[in-house]
Amino acid sequence: MLALILCVASSYALIVRILRYRRVNGITSKFSKDELAKMTPWTAQQVVFESFFYDTPMMMLLGTQVALFKVYGISSVASLLLQTGELKSPDTINKRLADTSTLIATFLSNPLVGAGYETGSDDPRAAIAIARINYLHRKYPISNDDFLYNLALFMLEPIRWTARFDWRPHSPIEVQVVEWVLKISGHRYEEMEEWVENFEEVNMVPSAASAELAHTAINHFLARIRIRSLRPLFFQLMLTVLDARTRTAMQLPNPSPVVSTLIHTLFKTRAFVVRHLCLPRRKPAIWVQLDSQYQLDENGIPRMTAVYQRRSGPYYFPEKTGFALKVQNFLVRIGWKNAEKLPGKKWSSEGYRLEELGPTQFKKEGHEQVMQEAALLQGCPVTGPWASVRELGHMKG
């Protein structure tokens, strides 16, 4: 009997091992050396989609969140963000997080189209997302070094966190994708790591702006933990994932050595369990829809909806109907659901258009500029349901 159990366990572990590495190994056979040496946006996106969204989404997300938070440790960035007022209330913080994740996930997961990309797609959403990000950044007086640091962190931190705590580090080909992105800014991976280190040494220093922004963000996160007794533990978690220099800049205490060791042990234990016992996911962990479905708002304008209902604020998630609505109302009555955190007009349940995302004051601005830049990126005018609202109006007329 024991021999049978050992045989079954060994067979299962072997199956997990084979399936776990099937996707990353498949990337090597899918692309030729010439394709990888001459990386194109479409090749890079396929590598990202095949691996990041299936194999390492949790640590990629954590690394991105750490990067987003670490930027607050740069006093010039923190001061600018405080001046905008976009991070002073739970609602504006929730919207910024929802819009940022939507824009980034859109251009990572939707194919870039244009001359030479050979995607076999005419979907313009990635181009629109990039154009909207560019438009929003131009609205603020961000220095080139601050912008470059922000870009570098979003590239480097997920790689670092995956290497430290996930079931496997990124493969050389996956790192090559990051190198390709960094080369666009004129830097190599190793050079950018050194540049970030030097930049932080000079610019990541204690400041009132960084401290205020950090405490606002931390309090916002902790308020989402319903069980109050767990909030000190999650605070220690946040302190643990930040390095000493960042904590000093934000005037945060060092984590408890005992709790920090426990958290690191939990991360390592998770990696072991996932590597040896968990079958790979069958569906990609993405934040945006990949299909071409949409819903029409009250004005007949096509809009996309969120894939996940964010607990902190369900922006762009459609309202429940039919039996699902009855179940939701019942859960509200018995106290299992917070009526303030349910999809509705407050959370733009009608959906979103990429050219409208960003701070509320810019929702109705820059649409034509964004569409013009998107057209340049993809090498042809934006048509179909994601064309500008003005163009859609002409087509209806």
Protein backbone atom coordinates (compact mmCIF):
# COMPACT_ATOMS: atom_id res chain seq x y z
CA MET A 1 0.00 0.00 0.00
CA LEU A 2 2.80 2.37 0.92
CA ALA A 3 4.55 1.57 -2.36
CA LEU A 4 1.35 2.40 -4.26
CA ILE A 5 0.99 5.71 -2.45
CA LEU A 6 4.61 6.61 -3.18
CA CYS A 7 4.16 5.62 -6.83
CA VAL A 8 1.04 7.78 -7.20
CA ALA A 9 2.68 10.72 -5.41
CA SER A 10 5.81 10.45 -7.54
CA SER A 11 3.77 10.24 -10.74
CA TYR A 12 1.73 13.29 -9.75
CA ALA A 13 4.87 15.27 -8.91
CA LEU A 14 6.36 14.32 -12.28
CA ILE A 15 3.20 15.41 -14.12
CA VAL A 16 3.23 18.72 -12.25
CA ARG A 17 6.88 19.20 -13.12
CA ILE A 18 6.32 18.55 -16.83
CA LEU A 19 3.21 20.71 -17.09
CA ARG A 20 4.68 23.50 -14.95
CA TYR A 21 7.59 24.03 -17.32
CA ARG A 22 5.73 23.25 -20.54
CA ARG A 23 4.76 26.85 -21.23
CA VAL A 24 8.16 28.44 -20.62
CA ASN A 25 9.90 25.67 -22.57
CA GLY A 26 7.40 26.11 -25.37
CA ILE A 27 8.45 29.72 -25.85
CA THR A 28 11.90 28.59 -26.94
CA SER A 29 10.48 26.29 -29.60
CA LYS A 30 7.84 28.80 -30.72
CA PHE A 31 10.28 31.54 -31.70
CA SER A 32 13.42 31.22 -33.76
CA LYS A 33 16.72 32.64 -32.54
CA ASP A 34 16.48 35.27 -35.25
CA GLU A 35 13.02 36.37 -34.04
CA LEU A 36 14.26 36.65 -30.47
CA ALA A 37 17.45 38.47 -31.50
CA LYS A 38 15.37 40.98 -33.47
CA MET A 39 12.66 41.44 -30.88
CA THR A 40 9.52 43.17 -32.15
CA PRO A 41 6.57 44.48 -30.10
CA TRP A 42 4.45 41.53 -31.22
CA THR A 43 7.10 38.95 -30.26
CA ALA A 44 7.57 40.61 -26.87
CA GLN A 45 3.83 40.64 -26.22
CA GLN A 46 3.49 36.96 -27.04
CA VAL A 47 6.28 36.06 -24.61
CA VAL A 48 4.68 38.21 -21.92
CA PHE A 49 1.26 36.73 -22.51
CA GLU A 50 2.43 33.12 -22.68
CA SER A 51 4.46 33.31 -19.50
CA PHE A 52 3.73 36.26 -17.24
CA PHE A 53 -0.07 35.88 -17.29
CA TYR A 54 0.00 32.12 -16.74
CA ASP A 55 3.14 31.19 -14.78
CA THR A 56 4.02 34.13 -12.54
CA PRO A 57 1.04 36.52 -12.29
CA MET A 58 0.97 36.80 -8.49
CA MET A 59 4.57 37.93 -8.01
CA MET A 60 4.43 40.04 -11.16
CA LEU A 61 1.46 41.86 -9.65
CA LEU A 62 3.15 42.19 -6.26
CA GLY A 63 6.31 43.49 -7.91
CA THR A 64 4.29 46.04 -9.86
CA GLN A 65 2.52 47.19 -6.69
CA VAL A 66 5.83 47.50 -4.86
CA ALA A 67 7.17 49.55 -7.79
CA LEU A 68 4.13 51.81 -7.70
CA PHE A 69 4.60 52.33 -3.97
CA LYS A 70 8.39 52.84 -4.12
CA VAL A 71 7.94 55.76 -6.50
CA TYR A 72 6.39 57.63 -3.57
CA GLY A 73 9.82 57.57 -1.91
CA ILE A 74 11.14 60.11 -4.45
CA SER A 75 10.29 63.49 -2.94
CA SER A 76 9.76 65.26 -6.28
CA VAL A 77 7.31 62.58 -7.42
CA ALA A 78 5.53 62.52 -4.05
CA SER A 79 5.16 66.32 -4.04
CA LEU A 80 3.69 66.30 -7.54
CA LEU A 81 1.23 63.53 -6.70
CA LEU A 82 0.09 65.37 -3.59
CA GLN A 83 -0.44 68.55 -5.60
CA THR A 84 -2.75 66.73 -8.00
CA GLY A 85 -5.01 65.69 -5.12
CA GLU A 86 -5.54 62.31 -6.78
CA LEU A 87 -4.31 60.32 -3.77
CA LYS A 88 -6.03 62.09 -0.91
CA SER A 89 -9.26 60.08 -0.68
CA PRO A 90 -10.17 56.40 -0.96
CA ASP A 91 -12.29 56.98 -4.07
CA THR A 92 -9.55 58.81 -6.02
CA ILE A 93 -6.96 56.22 -4.96
CA ASN A 94 -9.26 53.41 -6.10
CA LYS A 95 -9.87 55.09 -9.43
CA ARG A 96 -6.18 55.73 -10.03
CA LEU A 97 -5.35 52.08 -9.31
CA ALA A 98 -8.20 50.84 -11.52
CA ASP A 99 -7.30 53.12 -14.43
CA THR A 100 -3.55 52.49 -14.17
CA SER A 101 -3.94 48.70 -14.09
CA THR A 102 -6.44 48.82 -16.96
CA LEU A 103 -4.19 50.88 -19.23
CA ILE A 104 -1.07 48.83 -18.49
CA ALA A 105 -2.84 45.48 -18.83
CA THR A 106 -4.42 46.60 -22.11
CA PHE A 107 -1.20 47.40 -23.93
CA LEU A 108 0.52 44.31 -22.52
CA SER A 109 -2.21 41.81 -23.37
CA ASN A 110 -3.75 43.22 -26.56
CA PRO A 111 -1.69 42.94 -29.76
CA LEU A 112 0.07 46.04 -31.02
CA VAL A 113 -0.81 46.52 -34.66
CA GLY A 114 1.06 48.40 -37.32
CA ALA A 115 3.47 48.08 -40.20
CA GLY A 116 5.89 45.20 -39.67
CA TYR A 117 4.21 43.79 -36.56
CA GLU A 118 2.47 40.98 -38.47
CA THR A 119 -0.06 40.32 -35.72
CA GLY A 120 -2.95 39.32 -37.92
CA SER A 121 -5.08 41.71 -35.88
CA ASP A 122 -6.66 45.10 -36.42
CA ASP A 123 -7.54 45.63 -32.76
CA PRO A 124 -6.48 49.21 -31.84
CA ARG A 125 -6.85 48.97 -28.05
CA ALA A 126 -3.14 48.59 -27.22
CA ALA A 127 -2.30 51.64 -29.34
CA ILE A 128 -5.07 53.67 -27.71
CA ALA A 129 -3.88 52.68 -24.22
CA ILE A 130 -0.29 53.74 -24.97
CA ALA A 131 -1.49 57.01 -26.50
CA ARG A 132 -3.66 57.74 -23.45
CA ILE A 133 -0.77 57.05 -21.05
CA ASN A 134 1.43 59.42 -23.05
CA TYR A 135 -1.27 62.09 -23.05
CA LEU A 136 -1.77 61.91 -19.28
CA HIS A 137 1.96 62.09 -18.56
CA ARG A 138 2.24 65.23 -20.68
CA LYS A 139 -0.32 66.92 -18.43
CA TYR A 140 2.16 67.02 -15.54
CA PRO A 141 5.63 68.59 -15.20
CA ILE A 142 7.44 65.28 -14.75
CA SER A 143 11.21 65.43 -15.16
CA ASN A 144 12.80 63.01 -17.60
CA ASP A 145 14.75 61.27 -14.80
CA ASP A 146 11.62 60.83 -12.67
CA PHE A 147 9.76 59.40 -15.65
CA LEU A 148 12.65 57.07 -16.50
CA TYR A 149 12.86 55.91 -12.87
CA ASN A 150 9.14 55.14 -12.89
CA LEU A 151 9.49 53.14 -16.10
CA ALA A 152 12.55 51.28 -14.79
CA LEU A 153 10.84 50.23 -11.56
CA PHE A 154 7.85 48.80 -13.42
CA MET A 155 10.30 46.71 -15.45
CA LEU A 156 12.79 45.70 -12.73
CA GLU A 157 10.73 45.11 -9.57
CA PRO A 158 8.49 42.32 -10.98
CA ILE A 159 11.62 40.53 -12.24
CA ARG A 160 13.25 40.85 -8.81
CA TRP A 161 10.20 39.69 -6.88
CA THR A 162 9.64 36.72 -9.14
CA ALA A 163 13.27 35.67 -8.75
CA ARG A 164 13.08 35.97 -4.95
CA PHE A 165 9.71 34.47 -4.14
CA ASP A 166 7.95 32.74 -7.03
CA TRP A 167 8.14 29.07 -8.00
CA ARG A 168 10.66 29.88 -10.71
CA PRO A 169 12.64 32.94 -11.80
CA HIS A 170 12.08 34.48 -15.21
CA SER A 171 13.89 32.72 -18.01
CA PRO A 172 16.59 34.48 -20.07
CA ILE A 173 14.07 34.94 -22.90
CA GLU A 174 11.58 36.61 -20.57
CA VAL A 175 14.28 38.91 -19.23
CA GLN A 176 15.17 39.63 -22.84
CA VAL A 177 11.68 41.08 -23.30
CA VAL A 178 12.35 43.49 -20.45
CA GLU A 179 15.72 44.34 -21.97
CA TRP A 180 13.97 45.08 -25.26
CA VAL A 181 11.61 47.52 -23.55
CA LEU A 182 14.51 49.21 -21.76
CA LYS A 183 16.49 49.49 -24.99
CA ILE A 184 13.72 51.74 -26.30
CA SER A 185 14.79 54.23 -23.62
CA GLY A 186 18.44 53.75 -24.59
CA HIS A 187 19.55 51.51 -21.71
CA ARG A 188 20.52 47.89 -21.15
CA TYR A 189 19.16 45.82 -18.25
CA GLU A 190 22.38 45.88 -16.22
CA GLU A 191 22.91 49.57 -16.96
CA MET A 192 19.39 50.39 -15.81
CA GLU A 193 19.84 48.48 -12.55
CA GLU A 194 22.96 50.51 -11.83
CA TRP A 195 21.25 53.76 -12.88
CA VAL A 196 18.28 53.06 -10.57
CA GLU A 197 20.63 52.35 -7.66
CA ASN A 198 22.49 55.64 -8.20
CA PHE A 199 19.24 57.57 -8.69
CA GLU A 200 17.76 56.23 -5.45
CA GLU A 201 20.94 56.96 -3.52
CA VAL A 202 20.67 60.66 -4.44
CA ASN A 203 16.90 61.18 -4.64
CA MET A 204 15.29 58.69 -2.24
CA VAL A 205 15.78 60.67 0.96
CA PRO A 206 13.41 61.40 3.87
CA SER A 207 10.78 63.98 2.99
CA ALA A 208 7.45 65.13 4.40
CA ALA A 209 5.74 64.58 1.03
CA SER A 210 6.90 60.95 0.81
CA ALA A 211 5.85 60.30 4.40
CA GLU A 212 2.39 61.80 3.89
CA LEU A 213 1.79 59.92 0.67
CA ALA A 214 3.04 56.63 2.12
CA HIS A 215 0.85 56.85 5.20
CA THR A 216 -2.19 57.77 3.09
CA ALA A 217 -1.66 54.74 0.84
CA ILE A 218 -0.99 52.40 3.77
CA ASN A 219 -4.09 53.55 5.66
CA HIS A 220 -6.15 53.08 2.51
CA PHE A 221 -4.90 49.52 2.13
CA LEU A 222 -5.36 48.60 5.79
CA ALA A 223 -8.91 49.98 5.80
CA ARG A 224 -9.77 47.25 3.28
CA ILE A 225 -8.89 44.52 5.81
CA ARG A 226 -12.24 43.75 7.41
CA ILE A 227 -10.80 41.84 10.37
CA ARG A 228 -9.19 44.64 12.38
CA SER A 229 -7.04 42.28 14.41
CA LEU A 230 -5.22 41.30 11.18
CA ARG A 231 -4.30 44.87 10.23
CA PRO A 232 -1.07 44.97 12.29
CA LEU A 233 0.08 41.80 10.51
CA PHE A 234 -0.63 43.30 7.09
CA PHE A 235 1.18 46.48 8.13
CA GLN A 236 4.21 44.34 8.94
CA LEU A 237 3.82 42.68 5.55
CA MET A 238 3.97 46.07 3.85
CA LEU A 239 7.06 47.04 5.84
CA THR A 240 8.70 43.72 4.96
CA VAL A 241 8.26 44.06 1.19
CA LEU A 242 9.90 47.51 1.22
CA ASP A 243 13.66 47.84 1.39
CA ALA A 244 15.38 49.85 4.13
CA ARG A 245 16.10 52.88 1.92
CA THR A 246 12.43 53.19 0.91
CA ARG A 247 11.24 52.86 4.51
CA THR A 248 13.69 55.57 5.59
CA ALA A 249 12.53 57.94 2.84
CA MET A 250 8.92 57.40 3.88
CA GLN A 251 9.75 57.67 7.60
CA LEU A 252 8.40 54.19 8.26
CA PRO A 253 9.68 51.86 11.01
CA ASN A 254 11.57 48.66 10.34
CA PRO A 255 9.46 45.48 10.40
CA SER A 256 9.49 43.14 13.34
CA PRO A 257 12.33 40.62 12.78
CA VAL A 258 10.10 37.76 13.88
CA VAL A 259 7.18 38.72 11.64
CA SER A 260 9.53 39.50 8.74
CA THR A 261 11.10 36.05 8.99
CA LEU A 262 7.65 34.47 9.14
CA ILE A 263 6.50 36.35 6.02
CA HIS A 264 9.62 35.37 4.07
CA THR A 265 9.11 31.75 5.15
CA LEU A 266 5.51 31.84 3.94
CA PHE A 267 6.62 33.19 0.56
CA LYS A 268 9.21 30.43 0.22
CA THR A 269 6.71 27.78 1.32
CA ARG A 270 4.19 28.97 -1.26
CA ALA A 271 6.86 28.77 -3.98
CA PHE A 272 7.69 25.17 -3.01
CA VAL A 273 4.03 24.11 -2.97
CA VAL A 274 3.27 25.76 -6.32
CA ARG A 275 6.41 24.32 -7.96
CA HIS A 276 5.86 20.72 -6.85
CA LEU A 277 2.16 20.27 -6.05
CA CYS A 278 0.05 22.70 -8.07
CA LEU A 279 -0.97 22.18 -11.67
CA PRO A 280 -0.54 25.25 -13.89
CA ARG A 281 -3.44 27.61 -14.42
CA ARG A 282 -5.60 27.02 -17.48
CA LYS A 283 -6.72 30.62 -17.97
CA PRO A 284 -4.59 33.78 -18.04
CA ALA A 285 -4.72 36.07 -15.02
CA ILE A 286 -5.51 39.34 -16.77
CA TRP A 287 -7.39 42.47 -15.74
CA VAL A 288 -8.98 43.34 -19.06
CA GLN A 289 -11.12 41.58 -21.60
CA LEU A 290 -9.42 40.25 -24.71
CA ASP A 291 -12.50 39.60 -26.82
CA SER A 292 -14.25 42.25 -28.87
CA GLN A 293 -17.48 42.23 -26.89
CA TYR A 294 -18.83 45.48 -25.53
CA GLN A 295 -21.96 46.99 -24.07
CA LEU A 296 -23.72 50.16 -25.18
CA ASP A 297 -24.29 52.96 -22.70
CA GLU A 298 -27.47 55.07 -22.59
CA ASN A 299 -26.13 57.14 -25.51
CA GLY A 300 -25.41 54.09 -27.64
CA ILE A 301 -21.62 54.38 -27.20
CA PRO A 302 -19.64 51.08 -27.01
CA ARG A 303 -17.89 50.54 -23.68
CA MET A 304 -15.76 47.80 -22.14
CA THR A 305 -16.35 46.40 -18.67
CA ALA A 306 -13.97 45.22 -15.97
CA VAL A 307 -13.16 41.50 -15.80
CA TYR A 308 -12.87 41.47 -12.01
CA GLN A 309 -14.97 43.20 -9.38
CA ARG A 310 -12.47 45.08 -7.23
CA ARG A 311 -13.41 44.85 -3.56
CA SER A 312 -11.98 48.27 -2.80
CA GLY A 313 -14.09 49.90 -5.48
CA PRO A 314 -15.75 47.98 -8.37
CA TYR A 315 -14.95 50.50 -11.09
CA TYR A 316 -16.36 49.61 -14.54
CA PHE A 317 -17.91 46.34 -13.37
CA PRO A 318 -21.49 45.83 -14.69
CA GLU A 319 -24.43 45.81 -12.31
CA LYS A 320 -26.04 42.50 -11.42
CA THR A 321 -29.36 41.51 -12.99
CA GLY A 322 -31.91 38.75 -12.58
CA PHE A 323 -31.19 36.02 -10.05
CA ALA A 324 -27.65 37.30 -9.42
CA LEU A 325 -29.13 40.63 -8.29
CA LYS A 326 -31.46 38.85 -5.85
CA VAL A 327 -28.52 36.93 -4.37
CA GLN A 328 -26.52 40.16 -4.06
CA ASN A 329 -29.39 41.95 -2.28
CA PHE A 330 -29.76 39.03 0.12
CA LEU A 331 -26.04 39.14 0.96
CA VAL A 332 -26.37 42.86 1.64
CA ARG A 333 -29.29 42.29 4.01
CA ILE A 334 -27.41 39.71 6.07
CA GLY A 335 -24.29 41.90 6.19
CA TRP A 336 -22.00 39.84 3.95
CA LYS A 337 -21.85 42.56 1.29
CA ASN A 338 -21.27 46.29 1.68
CA ALA A 339 -23.89 48.20 -0.30
CA GLU A 340 -21.39 51.03 -0.82
CA LYS A 341 -19.01 48.66 -2.62
CA LEU A 342 -21.46 47.25 -5.15
CA PRO A 343 -21.36 48.06 -8.87
CA GLY A 344 -23.38 51.14 -9.75
CA LYS A 345 -23.23 54.59 -11.34
CA LYS A 346 -20.83 55.73 -8.61
CA TRP A 347 -18.35 53.19 -9.92
CA SER A 348 -19.06 53.81 -13.63
CA SER A 349 -20.87 50.51 -14.09
CA GLU A 350 -21.71 51.53 -17.66
CA GLY A 351 -18.10 50.67 -18.52
CA TYR A 352 -15.09 52.56 -19.81
CA ARG A 353 -13.43 53.82 -22.94
CA LEU A 354 -9.63 53.89 -22.99
CA GLU A 355 -9.41 57.49 -24.18
CA GLU A 356 -11.36 58.60 -21.08
CA LEU A 357 -9.29 56.86 -18.39
CA GLY A 358 -7.27 58.87 -15.91
CA PRO A 359 -8.03 61.64 -13.41
CA THR A 360 -11.66 62.74 -13.46
CA GLN A 361 -10.78 66.28 -14.59
CA PHE A 362 -9.24 64.85 -17.76
CA LYS A 363 -12.07 62.42 -18.59
CA LYS A 364 -13.44 64.59 -21.40
CA GLU A 365 -10.08 65.92 -22.57
CA GLY A 366 -7.58 64.79 -25.17
CA HIS A 367 -9.75 62.26 -26.98
CA GLU A 368 -8.89 63.41 -30.48
CA GLN A 369 -5.17 63.78 -29.64
CA VAL A 370 -5.16 60.25 -28.26
CA MET A 371 -6.86 58.85 -31.35
CA GLN A 372 -4.45 60.68 -33.65
CA GLU A 373 -1.43 59.28 -31.79
CA ALA A 374 -2.98 55.80 -31.72
CA ALA A 375 -3.45 56.02 -35.49
CA LEU A 376 0.23 56.89 -35.91
CA LEU A 377 1.25 53.96 -33.70
CA GLN A 378 -0.74 51.42 -35.68
CA GLY A 379 -0.18 53.02 -39.07
CA CYS A 380 -3.86 53.52 -39.96
CA PRO A 381 -6.95 55.33 -38.64
CA VAL A 382 -8.76 53.84 -35.65
CA THR A 383 -12.01 52.30 -36.83
CA GLY A 384 -14.69 50.04 -35.43
CA PRO A 385 -16.27 50.32 -31.98
CA TRP A 386 -13.14 51.92 -30.49
CA ALA A 387 -12.98 54.78 -32.97
CA SER A 388 -13.51 58.25 -31.48
CA VAL A 389 -17.01 59.02 -30.27
CA ARG A 390 -17.21 61.77 -32.90
CA GLU A 391 -16.45 59.25 -35.66
CA LEU A 392 -19.02 56.85 -34.24
CA GLY A 393 -21.55 59.67 -34.33
CA HIS A 394 -20.80 60.32 -38.00
CA MET A 395 -21.20 56.63 -38.83
CA LYS A 396 -24.57 56.54 -37.10
CA GLY A 397 -25.65 59.63 -38.94
